[in-house]
Amino acid sequence: MSDRLGILLNGRLRQVGPPREVYFHPQDLEVARFLGPVNPLTPATTADLLPPGTDSPSKASFIRPEALEVEGDANGPGCIRDIHFAGHYIMYTIDLRGQEIIVYSQQRVLEIGQRVRVRAVQA
């Protein structure tokens, strides 16, 4: 592994930086998707993932499935639609106010149809 990573797409250098920075903070959705799974988010969905009192974003964004955590919450804005065992993690497909979000988690205590809250965690 290198201490700097460059992403070349369609013959253009799109982003250069430390691998962790490029992976968790890609400059755009195309770079993000090139490096792995990502959840594109509307401003409203992004606001649901942030701590209460945080300013709501004004534009669309994206986040990696492993940068999210999910917990059961009877009044939560999300609902689990699918659960897939993937070895070292569980992949939850969640309907969050009409938008599909994928979350990778270590916990297997949630069930299909359960109401949940999803939060962004520090990457």
N, C-alpha and C. Protein backbone atom coordinates (compact mmCIF):
# COMPACT_ATOMS: atom_id res chain seq x y z
N MET A 1 0.85 -1.17 0.00
CA MET A 1 0.00 0.00 0.00
C MET A 1 0.89 1.23 0.00
N SER A 2 0.47 2.21 -0.69
CA SER A 2 1.19 3.46 -0.81
C SER A 2 0.74 4.47 0.24
N ASP A 3 1.56 5.48 0.47
CA ASP A 3 1.13 6.54 1.41
C ASP A 3 0.36 7.63 0.67
N ARG A 4 0.30 7.55 -0.68
CA ARG A 4 -0.50 8.47 -1.50
C ARG A 4 -1.18 7.63 -2.57
N LEU A 5 -2.39 8.02 -2.89
CA LEU A 5 -3.19 7.29 -3.87
C LEU A 5 -3.69 8.29 -4.91
N GLY A 6 -3.57 7.93 -6.18
CA GLY A 6 -4.09 8.76 -7.25
C GLY A 6 -5.19 8.01 -7.99
N ILE A 7 -6.30 8.67 -8.25
CA ILE A 7 -7.41 8.06 -8.98
C ILE A 7 -7.44 8.65 -10.38
N LEU A 8 -7.23 7.79 -11.37
CA LEU A 8 -7.23 8.18 -12.78
C LEU A 8 -8.48 7.60 -13.41
N LEU A 9 -9.38 8.45 -13.88
CA LEU A 9 -10.61 8.01 -14.53
C LEU A 9 -10.73 8.70 -15.89
N ASN A 10 -10.99 7.93 -16.91
CA ASN A 10 -11.14 8.47 -18.27
C ASN A 10 -9.94 9.32 -18.67
N GLY A 11 -8.74 8.86 -18.30
CA GLY A 11 -7.53 9.56 -18.69
C GLY A 11 -7.22 10.83 -17.92
N ARG A 12 -8.01 11.11 -16.87
CA ARG A 12 -7.80 12.32 -16.06
C ARG A 12 -7.52 11.96 -14.61
N LEU A 13 -6.55 12.62 -14.04
CA LEU A 13 -6.26 12.44 -12.62
C LEU A 13 -7.32 13.19 -11.83
N ARG A 14 -8.15 12.45 -11.12
CA ARG A 14 -9.32 13.06 -10.45
C ARG A 14 -9.08 13.42 -9.00
N GLN A 15 -8.22 12.64 -8.32
CA GLN A 15 -7.97 12.94 -6.91
C GLN A 15 -6.68 12.26 -6.50
N VAL A 16 -5.91 12.96 -5.66
CA VAL A 16 -4.67 12.44 -5.10
C VAL A 16 -4.68 12.74 -3.61
N GLY A 17 -4.27 11.76 -2.82
CA GLY A 17 -4.19 11.98 -1.38
C GLY A 17 -3.89 10.70 -0.65
N PRO A 18 -3.82 10.75 0.67
CA PRO A 18 -3.63 9.54 1.47
C PRO A 18 -4.80 8.57 1.21
N PRO A 19 -4.56 7.26 1.17
CA PRO A 19 -5.62 6.30 0.85
C PRO A 19 -6.89 6.44 1.69
N ARG A 20 -6.74 6.61 3.00
CA ARG A 20 -7.92 6.74 3.87
C ARG A 20 -8.73 7.99 3.51
N GLU A 21 -8.06 9.09 3.24
CA GLU A 21 -8.75 10.32 2.86
C GLU A 21 -9.49 10.16 1.54
N VAL A 22 -8.83 9.59 0.55
CA VAL A 22 -9.47 9.41 -0.76
C VAL A 22 -10.66 8.46 -0.65
N TYR A 23 -10.53 7.40 0.14
CA TYR A 23 -11.62 6.43 0.28
C TYR A 23 -12.82 7.02 1.01
N PHE A 24 -12.58 7.66 2.16
CA PHE A 24 -13.69 8.16 2.97
C PHE A 24 -14.15 9.57 2.60
N HIS A 25 -13.34 10.32 1.85
CA HIS A 25 -13.69 11.68 1.45
C HIS A 25 -13.39 11.91 -0.02
N PRO A 26 -13.97 11.09 -0.90
CA PRO A 26 -13.73 11.28 -2.33
C PRO A 26 -14.32 12.60 -2.79
N GLN A 27 -13.73 13.17 -3.83
CA GLN A 27 -14.17 14.49 -4.27
C GLN A 27 -15.51 14.47 -4.98
N ASP A 28 -15.91 13.32 -5.52
CA ASP A 28 -17.22 13.25 -6.18
C ASP A 28 -17.73 11.81 -6.19
N LEU A 29 -18.96 11.64 -6.62
CA LEU A 29 -19.61 10.33 -6.61
C LEU A 29 -18.91 9.33 -7.53
N GLU A 30 -18.41 9.78 -8.66
CA GLU A 30 -17.73 8.88 -9.58
C GLU A 30 -16.47 8.29 -8.95
N VAL A 31 -15.68 9.12 -8.29
CA VAL A 31 -14.48 8.63 -7.59
C VAL A 31 -14.90 7.69 -6.46
N ALA A 32 -15.93 8.05 -5.73
CA ALA A 32 -16.41 7.20 -4.63
C ALA A 32 -16.81 5.82 -5.14
N ARG A 33 -17.60 5.78 -6.20
CA ARG A 33 -18.05 4.48 -6.75
C ARG A 33 -16.91 3.66 -7.31
N PHE A 34 -15.89 4.31 -7.85
CA PHE A 34 -14.73 3.59 -8.37
C PHE A 34 -14.05 2.80 -7.26
N LEU A 35 -14.07 3.33 -6.04
CA LEU A 35 -13.37 2.70 -4.92
C LEU A 35 -14.22 1.72 -4.13
N GLY A 36 -15.52 1.64 -4.39
CA GLY A 36 -16.33 0.68 -3.68
C GLY A 36 -17.76 1.15 -3.48
N PRO A 37 -18.55 0.35 -2.78
CA PRO A 37 -19.96 0.68 -2.56
C PRO A 37 -20.13 2.01 -1.83
N VAL A 38 -21.17 2.73 -2.22
CA VAL A 38 -21.45 4.03 -1.64
C VAL A 38 -22.95 4.29 -1.69
N ASN A 39 -23.45 4.99 -0.70
CA ASN A 39 -24.86 5.40 -0.66
C ASN A 39 -24.97 6.85 -1.11
N PRO A 40 -25.55 7.14 -2.30
CA PRO A 40 -25.83 8.53 -2.63
C PRO A 40 -26.98 9.01 -1.74
N LEU A 41 -26.90 10.24 -1.25
CA LEU A 41 -27.89 10.75 -0.29
C LEU A 41 -28.49 12.08 -0.74
N THR A 42 -29.78 12.23 -0.52
CA THR A 42 -30.42 13.53 -0.71
C THR A 42 -30.11 14.38 0.52
N PRO A 43 -30.28 15.70 0.43
CA PRO A 43 -30.07 16.53 1.63
C PRO A 43 -30.94 16.10 2.81
N ALA A 44 -32.20 15.73 2.56
CA ALA A 44 -33.09 15.31 3.64
C ALA A 44 -32.60 14.03 4.31
N THR A 45 -32.14 13.07 3.51
CA THR A 45 -31.63 11.82 4.06
C THR A 45 -30.35 12.08 4.84
N THR A 46 -29.48 12.92 4.32
CA THR A 46 -28.24 13.26 5.02
C THR A 46 -28.56 13.85 6.38
N ALA A 47 -29.55 14.73 6.45
CA ALA A 47 -29.94 15.36 7.72
C ALA A 47 -30.37 14.31 8.74
N ASP A 48 -31.04 13.23 8.30
CA ASP A 48 -31.46 12.16 9.20
C ASP A 48 -30.28 11.42 9.82
N LEU A 49 -29.13 11.43 9.15
CA LEU A 49 -27.96 10.69 9.63
C LEU A 49 -27.10 11.48 10.60
N LEU A 50 -27.32 12.78 10.66
CA LEU A 50 -26.48 13.66 11.48
C LEU A 50 -27.04 13.81 12.89
N PRO A 51 -26.18 14.14 13.85
CA PRO A 51 -26.66 14.36 15.22
C PRO A 51 -27.66 15.51 15.28
N PRO A 52 -28.61 15.46 16.20
CA PRO A 52 -29.57 16.56 16.35
C PRO A 52 -28.84 17.88 16.57
N GLY A 53 -29.37 18.94 15.97
CA GLY A 53 -28.77 20.26 16.11
C GLY A 53 -27.72 20.59 15.06
N THR A 54 -27.36 19.59 14.22
CA THR A 54 -26.39 19.83 13.16
C THR A 54 -27.09 20.53 12.00
N ASP A 55 -26.41 21.49 11.39
CA ASP A 55 -26.98 22.18 10.23
C ASP A 55 -27.29 21.20 9.12
N SER A 56 -28.46 21.35 8.51
CA SER A 56 -28.86 20.48 7.41
C SER A 56 -28.07 20.84 6.16
N PRO A 57 -27.62 19.83 5.41
CA PRO A 57 -26.87 20.11 4.19
C PRO A 57 -27.79 20.68 3.11
N SER A 58 -27.20 21.42 2.18
CA SER A 58 -27.98 22.04 1.12
C SER A 58 -27.83 21.31 -0.22
N LYS A 59 -26.94 20.32 -0.27
CA LYS A 59 -26.76 19.60 -1.53
C LYS A 59 -26.65 18.10 -1.27
N ALA A 60 -26.78 17.32 -2.33
CA ALA A 60 -26.68 15.87 -2.23
C ALA A 60 -25.25 15.49 -1.81
N SER A 61 -25.12 14.33 -1.18
CA SER A 61 -23.82 13.85 -0.75
C SER A 61 -23.80 12.33 -0.86
N PHE A 62 -22.81 11.69 -0.26
CA PHE A 62 -22.71 10.24 -0.29
C PHE A 62 -21.91 9.77 0.92
N ILE A 63 -22.12 8.49 1.28
CA ILE A 63 -21.42 7.91 2.43
C ILE A 63 -21.27 6.41 2.21
N ARG A 64 -20.20 5.86 2.72
CA ARG A 64 -19.93 4.42 2.60
C ARG A 64 -20.82 3.63 3.57
N PRO A 65 -21.21 2.41 3.19
CA PRO A 65 -22.05 1.58 4.07
C PRO A 65 -21.40 1.29 5.42
N GLU A 66 -20.08 1.17 5.47
CA GLU A 66 -19.40 0.88 6.73
C GLU A 66 -19.22 2.12 7.60
N ALA A 67 -19.55 3.30 7.07
CA ALA A 67 -19.47 4.54 7.84
C ALA A 67 -20.81 4.90 8.47
N LEU A 68 -21.71 3.92 8.52
CA LEU A 68 -23.03 4.09 9.12
C LEU A 68 -23.23 3.06 10.21
N GLU A 69 -24.02 3.40 11.20
CA GLU A 69 -24.43 2.41 12.20
C GLU A 69 -25.95 2.44 12.29
N VAL A 70 -26.51 1.31 12.63
CA VAL A 70 -27.96 1.17 12.70
C VAL A 70 -28.33 0.60 14.06
N GLU A 71 -29.47 1.08 14.59
CA GLU A 71 -29.98 0.54 15.85
C GLU A 71 -31.50 0.53 15.80
N GLY A 72 -32.07 -0.44 16.48
CA GLY A 72 -33.52 -0.52 16.56
C GLY A 72 -34.10 0.70 17.27
N ASP A 73 -35.19 1.24 16.71
CA ASP A 73 -35.86 2.40 17.30
C ASP A 73 -37.29 2.39 16.78
N ALA A 74 -38.25 2.09 17.66
CA ALA A 74 -39.65 1.98 17.27
C ALA A 74 -40.17 3.24 16.59
N ASN A 75 -39.56 4.38 16.86
CA ASN A 75 -39.98 5.65 16.25
C ASN A 75 -38.99 6.13 15.19
N GLY A 76 -38.05 5.28 14.80
CA GLY A 76 -37.02 5.67 13.84
C GLY A 76 -37.58 5.91 12.45
N PRO A 77 -36.88 6.70 11.64
CA PRO A 77 -37.34 7.03 10.30
C PRO A 77 -37.07 5.94 9.27
N GLY A 78 -36.33 4.90 9.64
CA GLY A 78 -35.98 3.84 8.70
C GLY A 78 -36.68 2.54 9.00
N CYS A 79 -36.72 1.67 7.98
CA CYS A 79 -37.31 0.34 8.13
C CYS A 79 -36.43 -0.66 7.39
N ILE A 80 -36.07 -1.75 8.05
CA ILE A 80 -35.23 -2.76 7.42
C ILE A 80 -36.04 -3.52 6.37
N ARG A 81 -35.53 -3.54 5.15
CA ARG A 81 -36.19 -4.22 4.03
C ARG A 81 -35.55 -5.56 3.69
N ASP A 82 -34.23 -5.69 3.97
CA ASP A 82 -33.55 -6.94 3.65
C ASP A 82 -32.33 -7.08 4.55
N ILE A 83 -31.96 -8.32 4.84
CA ILE A 83 -30.77 -8.63 5.63
C ILE A 83 -30.01 -9.71 4.89
N HIS A 84 -28.71 -9.48 4.71
CA HIS A 84 -27.87 -10.44 4.00
C HIS A 84 -26.61 -10.72 4.82
N PHE A 85 -26.41 -11.99 5.17
CA PHE A 85 -25.20 -12.39 5.88
C PHE A 85 -24.05 -12.42 4.89
N ALA A 86 -22.96 -11.71 5.18
CA ALA A 86 -21.83 -11.62 4.26
C ALA A 86 -20.52 -11.99 4.94
N GLY A 87 -20.55 -12.99 5.82
CA GLY A 87 -19.34 -13.43 6.49
C GLY A 87 -19.02 -12.58 7.70
N HIS A 88 -18.08 -11.65 7.57
CA HIS A 88 -17.64 -10.85 8.71
C HIS A 88 -18.54 -9.64 8.98
N TYR A 89 -19.60 -9.46 8.22
CA TYR A 89 -20.56 -8.39 8.49
C TYR A 89 -21.94 -8.79 7.98
N ILE A 90 -22.94 -8.04 8.43
CA ILE A 90 -24.31 -8.18 7.98
C ILE A 90 -24.61 -6.96 7.11
N MET A 91 -25.22 -7.19 5.94
CA MET A 91 -25.61 -6.08 5.08
C MET A 91 -27.11 -5.85 5.24
N TYR A 92 -27.43 -4.67 5.78
CA TYR A 92 -28.84 -4.29 5.95
C TYR A 92 -29.24 -3.35 4.82
N THR A 93 -30.36 -3.64 4.19
CA THR A 93 -30.96 -2.72 3.23
C THR A 93 -32.09 -2.03 3.98
N ILE A 94 -32.02 -0.71 4.03
CA ILE A 94 -32.95 0.07 4.85
C ILE A 94 -33.66 1.10 3.98
N ASP A 95 -34.97 1.19 4.15
CA ASP A 95 -35.74 2.26 3.52
C ASP A 95 -35.74 3.41 4.51
N LEU A 96 -35.09 4.51 4.12
CA LEU A 96 -35.00 5.69 4.98
C LEU A 96 -35.76 6.82 4.29
N ARG A 97 -37.01 6.98 4.69
CA ARG A 97 -37.89 8.00 4.11
C ARG A 97 -37.97 7.90 2.59
N GLY A 98 -38.08 6.66 2.11
CA GLY A 98 -38.24 6.43 0.68
C GLY A 98 -36.94 6.26 -0.09
N GLN A 99 -35.80 6.40 0.56
CA GLN A 99 -34.52 6.20 -0.10
C GLN A 99 -33.86 4.94 0.45
N GLU A 100 -33.34 4.11 -0.45
CA GLU A 100 -32.67 2.88 -0.04
C GLU A 100 -31.24 3.19 0.40
N ILE A 101 -30.91 2.73 1.61
CA ILE A 101 -29.58 2.90 2.20
C ILE A 101 -29.04 1.51 2.54
N ILE A 102 -27.77 1.29 2.26
CA ILE A 102 -27.10 0.04 2.64
C ILE A 102 -26.19 0.34 3.83
N VAL A 103 -26.27 -0.52 4.86
CA VAL A 103 -25.43 -0.39 6.05
C VAL A 103 -24.75 -1.73 6.30
N TYR A 104 -23.43 -1.70 6.52
CA TYR A 104 -22.68 -2.89 6.92
C TYR A 104 -22.53 -2.82 8.43
N SER A 105 -22.88 -3.90 9.12
CA SER A 105 -22.85 -3.91 10.57
C SER A 105 -22.38 -5.27 11.08
N GLN A 106 -21.85 -5.29 12.28
CA GLN A 106 -21.44 -6.52 12.95
C GLN A 106 -22.59 -7.16 13.72
N GLN A 107 -23.64 -6.39 14.00
CA GLN A 107 -24.71 -6.90 14.85
C GLN A 107 -25.80 -7.62 14.04
N ARG A 108 -26.28 -8.72 14.61
CA ARG A 108 -27.35 -9.49 13.97
C ARG A 108 -28.54 -9.58 14.91
N VAL A 109 -28.98 -8.45 15.42
CA VAL A 109 -30.11 -8.44 16.35
C VAL A 109 -31.34 -7.78 15.74
N LEU A 110 -31.21 -7.27 14.53
CA LEU A 110 -32.31 -6.59 13.88
C LEU A 110 -33.04 -7.53 12.93
N GLU A 111 -34.29 -7.22 12.65
CA GLU A 111 -35.12 -8.09 11.82
C GLU A 111 -35.77 -7.31 10.68
N ILE A 112 -36.10 -8.00 9.61
CA ILE A 112 -36.82 -7.40 8.49
C ILE A 112 -38.14 -6.83 9.00
N GLY A 113 -38.45 -5.61 8.58
CA GLY A 113 -39.67 -4.93 8.99
C GLY A 113 -39.51 -4.07 10.24
N GLN A 114 -38.38 -4.21 10.92
CA GLN A 114 -38.14 -3.44 12.15
C GLN A 114 -37.83 -1.98 11.84
N ARG A 115 -38.37 -1.08 12.66
CA ARG A 115 -38.07 0.35 12.55
C ARG A 115 -36.68 0.59 13.15
N VAL A 116 -35.91 1.46 12.50
CA VAL A 116 -34.53 1.71 12.94
C VAL A 116 -34.15 3.18 12.77
N ARG A 117 -33.07 3.53 13.42
CA ARG A 117 -32.43 4.83 13.24
C ARG A 117 -31.03 4.55 12.70
N VAL A 118 -30.62 5.31 11.70
CA VAL A 118 -29.30 5.17 11.09
C VAL A 118 -28.51 6.44 11.38
N ARG A 119 -27.24 6.27 11.76
CA ARG A 119 -26.38 7.42 12.06
C ARG A 119 -25.06 7.28 11.33
N ALA A 120 -24.50 8.42 10.95
CA ALA A 120 -23.15 8.45 10.40
C ALA A 120 -22.17 8.33 11.57
N VAL A 121 -21.12 7.56 11.37
CA VAL A 121 -20.06 7.44 12.38
C VAL A 121 -18.79 8.05 11.80
N GLN A 122 -17.91 8.46 12.66
CA GLN A 122 -16.66 9.09 12.23
C GLN A 122 -15.82 8.10 11.45
N ALA A 123 -15.37 8.50 10.26
CA ALA A 123 -14.51 7.63 9.44
C ALA A 123 -13.06 8.02 9.59
